Amino acid sequence: MGRRVAREVVFKYLFEKDMNKELGFNRDFYSKREDILELEEAQVGYVLDTVENVLINIEKIDKYIEDSIEVWNFERVGSVERALLRYAVYEIKFSDIGVEIIINEAVELAKRYGEEKSSEFINGVLAKIAKK
């Protein structure tokens, strides 16, 4: 199973966290959920580490996003788009994964889970962030 499936799980966890601000992140709890049990061991580590690190660095990540949105106020960005941007910006700024791969997978998830124009919005914002 590839990292694409693991990224989808990361997105879902971040979306869930965004929808329920009171929800904390407990590695033990998340490591026992059904969606993560279907992943390979390396992917489980990737998911848990990524979600945890996004949450640790969320202020920096949100600042990158806010600085790259021209017309929109960050609070107006939908929860799906916010979760996708957060994981993708984390990977762009804090990992050594190829930017093209990160953007492509975020755009594909936006097409699946977002609104009609979500993928274009995600692509534009991430392209700006990648150039900085």
C-alpha atoms as a PDB file:
ATOM      1  CA  MET A   1       0.000   0.000   0.000  1.00  0.00           C
ATOM      2  CA  GLY A   2       1.442   3.350  -0.954  1.00  0.00           C
ATOM      3  CA  ARG A   3       1.788   6.656   0.727  1.00  0.00           C
ATOM      4  CA  ARG A   4      -1.237   7.955  -1.206  1.00  0.00           C
ATOM      5  CA  VAL A   5      -3.582   5.919   1.007  1.00  0.00           C
ATOM      6  CA  ALA A   6      -1.683   7.040   4.108  1.00  0.00           C
ATOM      7  CA  ARG A   7      -2.041  10.686   3.038  1.00  0.00           C
ATOM      8  CA  GLU A   8      -5.773  10.188   2.747  1.00  0.00           C
ATOM      9  CA  VAL A   9      -5.862   8.938   6.346  1.00  0.00           C
ATOM     10  CA  VAL A  10      -3.795  11.963   7.447  1.00  0.00           C
ATOM     11  CA  PHE A  11      -6.267  14.233   5.665  1.00  0.00           C
ATOM     12  CA  LYS A  12      -9.241  12.524   7.344  1.00  0.00           C
ATOM     13  CA  TYR A  13      -7.700  12.840  10.805  1.00  0.00           C
ATOM     14  CA  LEU A  14      -6.887  16.523  10.265  1.00  0.00           C
ATOM     15  CA  PHE A  15     -10.385  17.137   8.907  1.00  0.00           C
ATOM     16  CA  GLU A  16     -11.872  15.435  11.956  1.00  0.00           C
ATOM     17  CA  LYS A  17      -9.688  17.534  14.251  1.00  0.00           C
ATOM     18  CA  ASP A  18     -10.740  20.712  12.429  1.00  0.00           C
ATOM     19  CA  MET A  19     -14.411  19.825  12.810  1.00  0.00           C
ATOM     20  CA  ASN A  20     -14.032  19.045  16.517  1.00  0.00           C
ATOM     21  CA  LYS A  21     -11.617  21.554  18.044  1.00  0.00           C
ATOM     22  CA  GLU A  22     -11.940  19.839  21.440  1.00  0.00           C
ATOM     23  CA  LEU A  23     -10.546  16.600  20.043  1.00  0.00           C
ATOM     24  CA  GLY A  24      -6.985  15.997  21.136  1.00  0.00           C
ATOM     25  CA  PHE A  25      -4.433  13.787  19.463  1.00  0.00           C
ATOM     26  CA  ASN A  26      -3.715  10.559  21.241  1.00  0.00           C
ATOM     27  CA  ARG A  27      -1.268   8.334  19.316  1.00  0.00           C
ATOM     28  CA  ASP A  28      -2.459   5.213  21.113  1.00  0.00           C
ATOM     29  CA  PHE A  29      -6.116   5.887  20.281  1.00  0.00           C
ATOM     30  CA  TYR A  30      -5.415   6.707  16.631  1.00  0.00           C
ATOM     31  CA  SER A  31      -3.099   3.725  16.181  1.00  0.00           C
ATOM     32  CA  LYS A  32      -6.006   1.387  16.963  1.00  0.00           C
ATOM     33  CA  ARG A  33      -8.571   2.844  14.599  1.00  0.00           C
ATOM     34  CA  GLU A  34      -9.862   0.627  11.810  1.00  0.00           C
ATOM     35  CA  ASP A  35      -8.652   2.863   8.959  1.00  0.00           C
ATOM     36  CA  ILE A  36      -5.077   2.819  10.219  1.00  0.00           C
ATOM     37  CA  LEU A  37      -5.032  -0.906  10.977  1.00  0.00           C
ATOM     38  CA  GLU A  38      -5.394  -1.528   7.230  1.00  0.00           C
ATOM     39  CA  LEU A  39      -2.058   0.221   6.563  1.00  0.00           C
ATOM     40  CA  GLU A  40       1.423  -1.244   6.527  1.00  0.00           C
ATOM     41  CA  GLU A  41       3.606  -0.578   9.566  1.00  0.00           C
ATOM     42  CA  ALA A  42       5.692   2.112   7.848  1.00  0.00           C
ATOM     43  CA  GLN A  43       2.540   3.922   6.735  1.00  0.00           C
ATOM     44  CA  VAL A  44       1.114   3.853  10.266  1.00  0.00           C
ATOM     45  CA  GLY A  45       4.238   5.606  11.505  1.00  0.00           C
ATOM     46  CA  TYR A  46       3.994   8.139   8.684  1.00  0.00           C
ATOM     47  CA  VAL A  47       0.325   8.892   9.472  1.00  0.00           C
ATOM     48  CA  LEU A  48       0.815   9.275  13.215  1.00  0.00           C
ATOM     49  CA  ASP A  49       4.022  11.300  12.876  1.00  0.00           C
ATOM     50  CA  THR A  50       2.540  13.573  10.212  1.00  0.00           C
ATOM     51  CA  VAL A  51      -0.679  14.307  12.100  1.00  0.00           C
ATOM     52  CA  GLU A  52       1.224  14.937  15.311  1.00  0.00           C
ATOM     53  CA  ASN A  53       3.761  17.218  13.596  1.00  0.00           C
ATOM     54  CA  VAL A  54       1.077  19.147  11.731  1.00  0.00           C
ATOM     55  CA  LEU A  55      -0.646  19.829  15.039  1.00  0.00           C
ATOM     56  CA  ILE A  56       2.647  20.824  16.711  1.00  0.00           C
ATOM     57  CA  ASN A  57       3.471  23.222  13.847  1.00  0.00           C
ATOM     58  CA  ILE A  58      -0.068  24.348  13.062  1.00  0.00           C
ATOM     59  CA  GLU A  59       0.549  28.040  13.747  1.00  0.00           C
ATOM     60  CA  LYS A  60       3.500  28.154  11.341  1.00  0.00           C
ATOM     61  CA  ILE A  61       1.598  26.119   8.764  1.00  0.00           C
ATOM     62  CA  ASP A  62      -1.482  28.341   8.998  1.00  0.00           C
ATOM     63  CA  LYS A  63       0.739  31.423   8.617  1.00  0.00           C
ATOM     64  CA  TYR A  64       2.179  30.034   5.354  1.00  0.00           C
ATOM     65  CA  ILE A  65      -1.365  29.443   4.130  1.00  0.00           C
ATOM     66  CA  GLU A  66      -2.672  32.851   5.226  1.00  0.00           C
ATOM     67  CA  ASP A  67       0.237  34.595   3.505  1.00  0.00           C
ATOM     68  CA  SER A  68      -0.509  32.752   0.252  1.00  0.00           C
ATOM     69  CA  ILE A  69      -4.255  33.340   0.017  1.00  0.00           C
ATOM     70  CA  GLU A  70      -4.898  36.509  -1.924  1.00  0.00           C
ATOM     71  CA  VAL A  71      -8.614  37.071  -1.848  1.00  0.00           C
ATOM     72  CA  TRP A  72      -9.804  34.807   0.942  1.00  0.00           C
ATOM     73  CA  ASN A  73      -9.662  35.139   4.685  1.00  0.00           C
ATOM     74  CA  PHE A  74      -8.243  31.929   6.211  1.00  0.00           C
ATOM     75  CA  GLU A  75     -11.338  31.460   8.391  1.00  0.00           C
ATOM     76  CA  ARG A  76     -13.463  31.327   5.223  1.00  0.00           C
ATOM     77  CA  VAL A  77     -11.519  28.393   3.794  1.00  0.00           C
ATOM     78  CA  GLY A  78     -13.591  25.216   4.039  1.00  0.00           C
ATOM     79  CA  SER A  79     -12.646  22.426   6.419  1.00  0.00           C
ATOM     80  CA  VAL A  80     -11.770  20.029   3.599  1.00  0.00           C
ATOM     81  CA  GLU A  81      -9.470  22.547   1.959  1.00  0.00           C
ATOM     82  CA  ARG A  82      -7.969  23.604   5.295  1.00  0.00           C
ATOM     83  CA  ALA A  83      -7.105  19.992   6.205  1.00  0.00           C
ATOM     84  CA  LEU A  84      -5.601  19.331   2.759  1.00  0.00           C
ATOM     85  CA  LEU A  85      -3.569  22.524   2.840  1.00  0.00           C
ATOM     86  CA  ARG A  86      -2.287  21.838   6.329  1.00  0.00           C
ATOM     87  CA  TYR A  87      -0.917  18.379   5.568  1.00  0.00           C
ATOM     88  CA  ALA A  88       0.489  19.469   2.188  1.00  0.00           C
ATOM     89  CA  VAL A  89       2.158  22.599   3.584  1.00  0.00           C
ATOM     90  CA  TYR A  90       3.653  20.512   6.370  1.00  0.00           C
ATOM     91  CA  GLU A  91       5.154  18.154   3.796  1.00  0.00           C
ATOM     92  CA  ILE A  92       6.389  20.994   1.578  1.00  0.00           C
ATOM     93  CA  LYS A  93       8.039  22.916   4.404  1.00  0.00           C
ATOM     94  CA  PHE A  94       9.092  20.167   6.828  1.00  0.00           C
ATOM     95  CA  SER A  95       9.887  17.081   4.705  1.00  0.00           C
ATOM     96  CA  ASP A  96      12.085  16.080   1.807  1.00  0.00           C
ATOM     97  CA  ILE A  97       9.243  14.704  -0.330  1.00  0.00           C
ATOM     98  CA  GLY A  98       9.066  16.077  -3.875  1.00  0.00           C
ATOM     99  CA  VAL A  99       6.854  19.139  -4.133  1.00  0.00           C
ATOM    100  CA  GLU A 100       5.206  17.914  -7.335  1.00  0.00           C
ATOM    101  CA  ILE A 101       4.110  14.705  -5.629  1.00  0.00           C
ATOM    102  CA  ILE A 102       2.728  16.574  -2.613  1.00  0.00           C
ATOM    103  CA  ILE A 103       0.752  19.041  -4.722  1.00  0.00           C
ATOM    104  CA  ASN A 104      -0.554  16.351  -7.081  1.00  0.00           C
ATOM    105  CA  GLU A 105      -1.834  14.171  -4.264  1.00  0.00           C
ATOM    106  CA  ALA A 106      -3.450  17.103  -2.444  1.00  0.00           C
ATOM    107  CA  VAL A 107      -5.175  18.141  -5.683  1.00  0.00           C
ATOM    108  CA  GLU A 108      -6.426  14.582  -6.250  1.00  0.00           C
ATOM    109  CA  LEU A 109      -7.844  14.435  -2.724  1.00  0.00           C
ATOM    110  CA  ALA A 110      -9.470  17.832  -3.277  1.00  0.00           C
ATOM    111  CA  LYS A 111     -11.171  16.479  -6.398  1.00  0.00           C
ATOM    112  CA  ARG A 112     -12.505  13.542  -4.412  1.00  0.00           C
ATOM    113  CA  TYR A 113     -13.559  15.296  -1.190  1.00  0.00           C
ATOM    114  CA  GLY A 114     -13.832  19.001  -1.985  1.00  0.00           C
ATOM    115  CA  GLU A 115     -16.136  21.291  -3.869  1.00  0.00           C
ATOM    116  CA  GLU A 116     -16.020  21.863  -7.622  1.00  0.00           C
ATOM    117  CA  LYS A 117     -13.241  24.483  -7.479  1.00  0.00           C
ATOM    118  CA  SER A 118     -11.344  23.047  -4.501  1.00  0.00           C
ATOM    119  CA  SER A 119      -8.646  21.397  -6.578  1.00  0.00           C
ATOM    120  CA  GLU A 120      -7.834  24.652  -8.400  1.00  0.00           C
ATOM    121  CA  PHE A 121      -7.703  26.543  -5.105  1.00  0.00           C
ATOM    122  CA  ILE A 122      -5.447  23.927  -3.478  1.00  0.00           C
ATOM    123  CA  ASN A 123      -3.161  23.854  -6.513  1.00  0.00           C
ATOM    124  CA  GLY A 124      -2.817  27.645  -6.588  1.00  0.00           C
ATOM    125  CA  VAL A 125      -2.105  28.081  -2.899  1.00  0.00           C
ATOM    126  CA  LEU A 126       0.394  25.216  -2.756  1.00  0.00           C
ATOM    127  CA  ALA A 127       2.200  26.439  -5.873  1.00  0.00           C
ATOM    128  CA  LYS A 128       2.703  29.840  -4.207  1.00  0.00           C
ATOM    129  CA  ILE A 129       3.935  28.253  -0.993  1.00  0.00           C
ATOM    130  CA  ALA A 130       6.324  25.962  -2.859  1.00  0.00           C
ATOM    131  CA  LYS A 131       7.902  28.963  -4.620  1.00  0.00           C
ATOM    132  CA  LYS A 132       8.622  30.792  -1.342  1.00  0.00           C
END
